[in-house]
């Protein structure tokens, strides 16, 4: 997404650094890592417990919106800590 023309400049440096970090993890031979990427919009809201998980592609709702609340992101994060399902992988969360 960072290469798309509408990517906000305010987030470019952070997103670029995240991509560099993910590449470093993917080249790591010994560390057992997991990388959880949020949706395009990431903010306060309700804890619903109803969300989708994906791999490397941005999750978009039927309305065309890619978003997740901090509260539901936290649930997915804790779920992964308690029952690891994405070893040495990036995954994402969204509605």
N, C-alpha and C. Protein backbone atom coordinates (compact mmCIF):
# COMPACT_ATOMS: atom_id res chain seq x y z
N UNK A 1 0.82 -1.20 0.00
CA UNK A 1 0.00 0.00 0.00
C UNK A 1 0.86 1.26 0.00
N UNK A 2 2.05 1.17 0.54
CA UNK A 2 2.88 2.36 0.67
C UNK A 2 3.23 2.97 -0.69
N UNK A 3 3.22 2.16 -1.73
CA UNK A 3 3.54 2.66 -3.08
C UNK A 3 2.34 3.28 -3.78
N UNK A 4 1.16 3.21 -3.19
CA UNK A 4 -0.02 3.78 -3.84
C UNK A 4 0.00 5.30 -3.74
N UNK A 5 -0.57 5.98 -4.73
CA UNK A 5 -0.51 7.45 -4.74
C UNK A 5 -1.23 8.14 -3.57
N UNK A 6 -2.23 7.50 -3.00
CA UNK A 6 -3.00 8.13 -1.92
C UNK A 6 -2.49 7.79 -0.53
N UNK A 7 -1.34 7.12 -0.43
CA UNK A 7 -0.82 6.77 0.89
C UNK A 7 -0.44 8.05 1.62
N UNK A 8 -0.94 8.26 2.85
CA UNK A 8 -0.68 9.51 3.57
C UNK A 8 0.81 9.69 3.92
N UNK A 9 1.34 10.84 3.57
CA UNK A 9 2.75 11.14 3.88
C UNK A 9 3.04 11.07 5.37
N UNK A 10 2.05 11.39 6.19
CA UNK A 10 2.24 11.40 7.65
C UNK A 10 2.61 10.01 8.18
N UNK A 11 2.25 8.96 7.46
CA UNK A 11 2.51 7.59 7.92
C UNK A 11 3.61 6.89 7.12
N UNK A 12 4.16 7.54 6.12
CA UNK A 12 5.12 6.91 5.23
C UNK A 12 6.38 6.42 5.96
N UNK A 13 6.96 7.24 6.81
CA UNK A 13 8.20 6.86 7.50
C UNK A 13 7.97 5.65 8.42
N UNK A 14 6.87 5.68 9.17
CA UNK A 14 6.55 4.57 10.07
C UNK A 14 6.28 3.28 9.28
N UNK A 15 5.53 3.38 8.20
CA UNK A 15 5.21 2.21 7.39
C UNK A 15 6.46 1.65 6.72
N UNK A 16 7.33 2.53 6.26
CA UNK A 16 8.58 2.09 5.64
C UNK A 16 9.45 1.35 6.66
N UNK A 17 9.55 1.89 7.87
CA UNK A 17 10.34 1.24 8.92
C UNK A 17 9.74 -0.12 9.28
N UNK A 18 8.43 -0.21 9.31
CA UNK A 18 7.77 -1.49 9.59
C UNK A 18 8.08 -2.52 8.52
N UNK A 19 8.13 -2.09 7.27
CA UNK A 19 8.47 -3.00 6.17
C UNK A 19 9.91 -3.49 6.25
N UNK A 20 10.81 -2.59 6.62
CA UNK A 20 12.22 -2.96 6.80
C UNK A 20 12.34 -3.98 7.93
N UNK A 21 11.62 -3.74 9.02
CA UNK A 21 11.65 -4.66 10.16
C UNK A 21 11.08 -6.03 9.77
N UNK A 22 9.98 -6.05 9.03
CA UNK A 22 9.39 -7.31 8.58
C UNK A 22 10.37 -8.08 7.69
N UNK A 23 11.05 -7.37 6.79
CA UNK A 23 12.05 -8.04 5.94
C UNK A 23 13.16 -8.65 6.78
N UNK A 24 13.60 -7.94 7.82
CA UNK A 24 14.64 -8.47 8.71
C UNK A 24 14.15 -9.73 9.42
N UNK A 25 12.90 -9.72 9.87
CA UNK A 25 12.34 -10.90 10.52
C UNK A 25 12.29 -12.08 9.55
N UNK A 26 11.87 -11.83 8.34
CA UNK A 26 11.75 -12.91 7.35
C UNK A 26 13.11 -13.54 7.03
N UNK A 27 14.18 -12.79 7.21
CA UNK A 27 15.52 -13.31 6.97
C UNK A 27 16.14 -13.94 8.22
N UNK A 28 15.47 -13.82 9.34
CA UNK A 28 15.96 -14.37 10.61
C UNK A 28 15.87 -15.89 10.57
N UNK A 29 16.96 -16.54 10.96
CA UNK A 29 17.01 -18.01 10.89
C UNK A 29 16.67 -18.71 12.20
N UNK A 30 16.82 -18.03 13.34
CA UNK A 30 16.64 -18.70 14.63
C UNK A 30 15.45 -18.21 15.45
N UNK A 31 15.11 -16.97 15.34
CA UNK A 31 14.04 -16.38 16.15
C UNK A 31 12.67 -16.87 15.69
N UNK A 32 11.83 -17.27 16.63
CA UNK A 32 10.44 -17.62 16.32
C UNK A 32 9.62 -16.35 16.50
N UNK A 33 9.22 -15.72 15.41
CA UNK A 33 8.56 -14.42 15.44
C UNK A 33 7.16 -14.50 14.85
N UNK A 34 6.36 -13.49 15.16
CA UNK A 34 5.05 -13.27 14.56
C UNK A 34 4.86 -11.77 14.42
N UNK A 35 4.28 -11.31 13.32
CA UNK A 35 4.12 -9.89 13.03
C UNK A 35 2.64 -9.64 12.74
N UNK A 36 1.97 -8.90 13.60
CA UNK A 36 0.55 -8.58 13.44
C UNK A 36 0.39 -7.19 12.87
N UNK A 37 -0.13 -7.10 11.66
CA UNK A 37 -0.35 -5.82 11.00
C UNK A 37 -1.80 -5.37 11.19
N UNK A 38 -2.01 -4.11 11.57
CA UNK A 38 -3.38 -3.62 11.66
C UNK A 38 -3.94 -3.29 10.28
N UNK A 39 -5.19 -2.95 10.22
CA UNK A 39 -5.82 -2.48 8.99
C UNK A 39 -5.33 -1.07 8.68
N UNK A 40 -5.79 -0.51 7.56
CA UNK A 40 -5.39 0.83 7.16
C UNK A 40 -5.83 1.87 8.20
N UNK A 41 -7.03 1.72 8.74
CA UNK A 41 -7.51 2.60 9.80
C UNK A 41 -7.42 1.83 11.11
N UNK A 42 -6.84 2.46 12.12
CA UNK A 42 -6.56 1.79 13.38
C UNK A 42 -6.83 2.81 14.49
N UNK A 43 -7.91 2.59 15.25
CA UNK A 43 -8.25 3.59 16.25
C UNK A 43 -9.17 3.07 17.34
N UNK A 44 -9.54 3.98 18.22
CA UNK A 44 -10.42 3.63 19.34
C UNK A 44 -11.80 3.24 18.83
N UNK A 45 -12.45 2.38 19.60
CA UNK A 45 -13.80 1.95 19.23
C UNK A 45 -14.29 0.90 20.19
N UNK A 46 -15.16 0.06 19.71
CA UNK A 46 -15.73 -1.00 20.54
C UNK A 46 -14.94 -2.29 20.44
N UNK A 47 -15.00 -3.04 21.51
CA UNK A 47 -14.49 -4.41 21.49
C UNK A 47 -15.65 -5.29 21.05
N UNK A 48 -15.57 -5.82 19.84
CA UNK A 48 -16.66 -6.64 19.32
C UNK A 48 -16.33 -8.13 19.35
N UNK A 49 -15.05 -8.46 19.21
CA UNK A 49 -14.66 -9.86 19.11
C UNK A 49 -15.03 -10.48 17.77
N UNK A 50 -15.56 -9.67 16.87
CA UNK A 50 -15.97 -10.15 15.54
C UNK A 50 -15.08 -9.47 14.50
N UNK A 51 -14.12 -10.19 13.98
CA UNK A 51 -13.19 -9.65 13.01
C UNK A 51 -12.66 -10.79 12.16
N UNK A 52 -11.99 -10.44 11.09
CA UNK A 52 -11.39 -11.44 10.20
C UNK A 52 -9.87 -11.38 10.34
N UNK A 53 -9.24 -12.51 10.10
CA UNK A 53 -7.80 -12.58 10.04
C UNK A 53 -7.38 -12.84 8.60
N UNK A 54 -6.26 -12.28 8.20
CA UNK A 54 -5.74 -12.50 6.86
C UNK A 54 -4.24 -12.67 6.91
N UNK A 55 -3.64 -12.79 5.76
CA UNK A 55 -2.18 -12.96 5.67
C UNK A 55 -1.53 -11.65 5.23
N UNK A 56 -1.09 -11.59 3.99
CA UNK A 56 -0.34 -10.43 3.51
C UNK A 56 -1.17 -9.39 2.77
N UNK A 57 -2.45 -9.66 2.56
CA UNK A 57 -3.29 -8.72 1.83
C UNK A 57 -4.16 -7.91 2.78
N UNK A 58 -4.33 -6.64 2.47
CA UNK A 58 -5.16 -5.75 3.26
C UNK A 58 -6.60 -6.25 3.28
N UNK A 59 -7.19 -6.36 4.46
CA UNK A 59 -8.59 -6.76 4.58
C UNK A 59 -9.48 -5.54 4.42
N UNK A 60 -10.49 -5.66 3.59
CA UNK A 60 -11.41 -4.56 3.30
C UNK A 60 -12.83 -5.06 3.49
N UNK A 61 -13.66 -4.26 4.16
CA UNK A 61 -15.06 -4.64 4.39
C UNK A 61 -15.86 -4.54 3.10
N UNK A 62 -17.09 -5.02 3.13
CA UNK A 62 -17.98 -4.94 1.97
C UNK A 62 -18.23 -3.49 1.56
N UNK A 63 -18.08 -2.57 2.52
CA UNK A 63 -18.28 -1.15 2.24
C UNK A 63 -17.01 -0.49 1.69
N UNK A 64 -15.93 -1.26 1.56
CA UNK A 64 -14.68 -0.71 1.03
C UNK A 64 -13.77 -0.09 2.06
N UNK A 65 -14.01 -0.34 3.31
CA UNK A 65 -13.23 0.26 4.39
C UNK A 65 -12.32 -0.79 5.02
N UNK A 66 -11.08 -0.41 5.27
CA UNK A 66 -10.12 -1.27 5.94
C UNK A 66 -9.88 -0.68 7.33
N UNK A 67 -10.44 -1.35 8.37
CA UNK A 67 -10.31 -0.78 9.70
C UNK A 67 -10.39 -1.82 10.79
N UNK A 68 -9.85 -1.46 11.94
CA UNK A 68 -9.92 -2.29 13.15
C UNK A 68 -9.77 -1.36 14.35
N UNK A 69 -10.41 -1.71 15.44
CA UNK A 69 -10.25 -0.91 16.66
C UNK A 69 -9.07 -1.45 17.47
N UNK A 70 -8.53 -0.59 18.32
CA UNK A 70 -7.47 -1.01 19.23
C UNK A 70 -7.94 -2.20 20.06
N UNK A 71 -9.20 -2.13 20.48
CA UNK A 71 -9.75 -3.16 21.36
C UNK A 71 -9.77 -4.54 20.70
N UNK A 72 -10.21 -4.62 19.45
CA UNK A 72 -10.24 -5.91 18.76
C UNK A 72 -8.85 -6.35 18.33
N UNK A 73 -7.98 -5.41 17.99
CA UNK A 73 -6.59 -5.73 17.68
C UNK A 73 -5.96 -6.41 18.90
N UNK A 74 -6.23 -5.87 20.08
CA UNK A 74 -5.68 -6.44 21.32
C UNK A 74 -6.16 -7.88 21.53
N UNK A 75 -7.42 -8.14 21.22
CA UNK A 75 -7.96 -9.50 21.35
C UNK A 75 -7.18 -10.45 20.43
N UNK A 76 -6.98 -10.06 19.19
CA UNK A 76 -6.25 -10.91 18.24
C UNK A 76 -4.81 -11.13 18.71
N UNK A 77 -4.21 -10.10 19.27
CA UNK A 77 -2.84 -10.19 19.76
C UNK A 77 -2.74 -11.19 20.92
N UNK A 78 -3.66 -11.09 21.87
CA UNK A 78 -3.67 -12.00 23.02
C UNK A 78 -4.01 -13.42 22.58
N UNK A 79 -4.95 -13.57 21.64
CA UNK A 79 -5.27 -14.90 21.10
C UNK A 79 -4.01 -15.56 20.56
N UNK A 80 -3.20 -14.80 19.84
CA UNK A 80 -1.97 -15.35 19.25
C UNK A 80 -0.96 -15.72 20.33
N UNK A 81 -0.89 -14.93 21.38
CA UNK A 81 0.02 -15.26 22.49
C UNK A 81 -0.41 -16.55 23.19
N UNK A 82 -1.71 -16.69 23.38
CA UNK A 82 -2.23 -17.87 24.10
C UNK A 82 -2.21 -19.13 23.26
N UNK A 83 -2.51 -19.00 21.96
CA UNK A 83 -2.55 -20.16 21.05
C UNK A 83 -1.88 -19.76 19.73
N UNK A 84 -0.56 -19.84 19.67
CA UNK A 84 0.15 -19.41 18.46
C UNK A 84 -0.34 -20.14 17.20
N UNK A 85 -0.73 -19.35 16.22
CA UNK A 85 -1.22 -19.91 14.96
C UNK A 85 -0.46 -19.37 13.75
N UNK A 86 0.46 -18.42 13.97
CA UNK A 86 1.16 -17.77 12.87
C UNK A 86 2.67 -17.71 13.12
N UNK A 87 3.31 -18.83 13.41
CA UNK A 87 4.75 -18.78 13.65
C UNK A 87 5.51 -18.39 12.38
N UNK A 88 6.47 -17.47 12.55
CA UNK A 88 7.33 -17.00 11.46
C UNK A 88 6.50 -16.46 10.28
N UNK A 89 5.41 -15.77 10.63
CA UNK A 89 4.51 -15.21 9.61
C UNK A 89 4.04 -13.83 10.03
N UNK A 90 3.65 -13.07 9.02
CA UNK A 90 2.88 -11.86 9.26
C UNK A 90 1.42 -12.24 9.04
N UNK A 91 0.56 -11.65 9.85
CA UNK A 91 -0.88 -11.78 9.60
C UNK A 91 -1.53 -10.46 9.92
N UNK A 92 -2.76 -10.31 9.52
CA UNK A 92 -3.45 -9.04 9.70
C UNK A 92 -4.85 -9.28 10.24
N UNK A 93 -5.47 -8.20 10.66
CA UNK A 93 -6.80 -8.26 11.25
C UNK A 93 -7.63 -7.10 10.67
N UNK A 94 -8.92 -7.35 10.48
CA UNK A 94 -9.80 -6.29 10.00
C UNK A 94 -11.25 -6.76 10.04
N UNK A 95 -12.15 -5.83 9.83
CA UNK A 95 -13.58 -6.15 9.81
C UNK A 95 -14.01 -6.49 8.40
